[in-house]
Amino acid sequence: MRAYHVLNKQEKLLLEQTGASTLVVNALIDYIEERRKVGHFLTAVLSNDLNDAFARADDTNVEAIGTLIRWIYNYAPSLCWGSKEKVERWLAREDGGAAQARDGRES
């Protein structure tokens, strides 16, 4: 499968250091690089639905939500997070797979 956005080693290492579970780390990498659907917790985080994210988080991930959100803000393409609609467009590949510069974030 074609990677739409490739994370480098440093970005992956920093993601592993967020304290999120291995399952969440691997799912987020697959979501960004392969546009694979993720579970309810990570979908809530990516959709900026923090109420639902906290409700769905297990003990490990509830502790990591803050650092996980910081990682997403700093390293994930802005087209793939921020609202439910953006997550749906990312998964549907409706942005045409276009690369998004990190310093050109959408508001």
Protein backbone atom coordinates (compact mmCIF):
# COMPACT_ATOMS: atom_id res chain seq x y z
CA MET A 1 0.00 0.00 0.00
CA ARG A 2 1.20 3.51 -0.83
CA ALA A 3 2.25 5.72 2.06
CA TYR A 4 0.53 9.11 1.96
CA HIS A 5 2.74 10.71 4.55
CA VAL A 6 5.89 9.02 5.82
CA LEU A 7 6.94 9.67 9.40
CA ASN A 8 10.68 9.73 9.99
CA LYS A 9 12.49 7.77 12.72
CA GLN A 10 12.64 10.76 15.08
CA GLU A 11 8.90 11.43 14.75
CA LYS A 12 8.13 7.76 15.47
CA LEU A 13 10.48 7.73 18.46
CA LEU A 14 8.82 10.84 19.88
CA LEU A 15 5.41 9.22 19.36
CA GLU A 16 6.56 6.14 21.28
CA GLN A 17 7.67 8.45 24.11
CA THR A 18 4.19 9.99 24.56
CA GLY A 19 3.26 7.21 26.96
CA ALA A 20 0.40 6.01 24.75
CA SER A 21 -0.05 2.27 24.46
CA THR A 22 1.81 0.39 21.74
CA LEU A 23 -1.53 -0.38 20.12
CA VAL A 24 -2.39 3.33 19.86
CA VAL A 25 1.11 4.27 18.64
CA ASN A 26 1.01 1.65 15.87
CA ALA A 27 -2.57 2.55 14.92
CA LEU A 28 -1.68 6.24 14.65
CA ILE A 29 1.32 5.48 12.43
CA ASP A 30 -0.88 3.33 10.16
CA TYR A 31 -3.57 6.04 10.13
CA ILE A 32 -1.09 8.70 9.02
CA GLU A 33 1.02 6.63 6.63
CA GLU A 34 -1.61 4.27 5.16
CA ARG A 35 -4.87 6.06 6.01
CA ARG A 36 -6.15 3.07 7.95
CA LYS A 37 -9.18 3.50 10.19
CA VAL A 38 -8.43 3.63 13.92
CA GLY A 39 -10.45 2.73 17.00
CA HIS A 40 -12.95 4.89 18.85
CA PHE A 41 -10.45 6.37 21.33
CA LEU A 42 -7.99 7.55 18.69
CA THR A 43 -10.80 8.71 16.39
CA ALA A 44 -12.09 10.88 19.23
CA VAL A 45 -8.60 12.32 19.85
CA LEU A 46 -8.04 13.04 16.14
CA SER A 47 -11.55 14.55 15.84
CA ASN A 48 -10.86 16.93 18.73
CA ASP A 49 -13.63 15.32 20.79
CA LEU A 50 -11.79 15.25 24.11
CA ASN A 51 -14.90 14.40 26.11
CA ASP A 52 -15.29 11.17 24.16
CA ALA A 53 -11.52 10.54 24.15
CA PHE A 54 -11.36 10.63 27.95
CA ALA A 55 -14.48 8.47 28.21
CA ARG A 56 -12.96 5.83 25.91
CA ALA A 57 -9.36 5.91 27.18
CA ASP A 58 -7.95 3.07 29.24
CA ASP A 59 -5.69 3.82 32.21
CA THR A 60 -2.53 3.97 30.08
CA ASN A 61 -3.93 6.24 27.39
CA VAL A 62 -5.79 8.58 29.74
CA GLU A 63 -2.41 9.50 31.21
CA ALA A 64 -0.96 10.07 27.72
CA ILE A 65 -3.71 12.18 26.15
CA GLY A 66 -1.92 15.51 26.66
CA THR A 67 1.40 14.39 25.20
CA LEU A 68 -0.36 12.49 22.42
CA ILE A 69 -2.28 15.64 21.41
CA ARG A 70 0.94 17.66 21.47
CA TRP A 71 2.60 15.08 19.21
CA ILE A 72 -0.34 15.17 16.78
CA TYR A 73 -0.25 18.98 16.70
CA ASN A 74 3.49 19.08 16.05
CA TYR A 75 4.03 16.12 13.71
CA ALA A 76 0.83 14.83 12.09
CA PRO A 77 -0.30 16.37 8.79
CA SER A 78 -2.89 19.02 9.58
CA LEU A 79 -5.23 17.55 6.99
CA CYS A 80 -5.71 14.40 9.09
CA TRP A 81 -6.87 15.79 12.44
CA GLY A 82 -8.84 18.57 14.10
CA SER A 83 -12.46 17.66 13.38
CA LYS A 84 -14.64 14.67 12.58
CA GLU A 85 -14.96 15.94 9.00
CA LYS A 86 -11.20 16.16 8.52
CA VAL A 87 -10.74 12.61 9.82
CA GLU A 88 -13.46 11.37 7.45
CA ARG A 89 -11.88 13.21 4.48
CA TRP A 90 -8.45 11.78 5.37
CA LEU A 91 -9.79 8.24 5.46
CA ALA A 92 -11.74 8.79 2.23
CA ARG A 93 -8.60 10.24 0.60
CA GLU A 94 -10.64 13.27 -0.44
CA ASP A 95 -7.66 15.59 -0.29
CA GLY A 96 -6.13 13.72 -3.23
CA GLY A 97 -3.18 12.58 -1.11
CA ALA A 98 -1.68 16.03 -1.29
CA ALA A 99 1.18 16.71 1.09
CA GLN A 100 0.61 19.39 3.71
CA ALA A 101 3.58 21.44 4.83
CA ARG A 102 3.91 21.51 8.60
CA ASP A 103 4.31 25.26 8.66
CA GLY A 104 1.25 25.71 6.43
CA ARG A 105 -1.33 24.39 8.89
CA GLU A 106 -4.98 24.99 8.22
CA SER A 107 -6.97 26.80 10.85
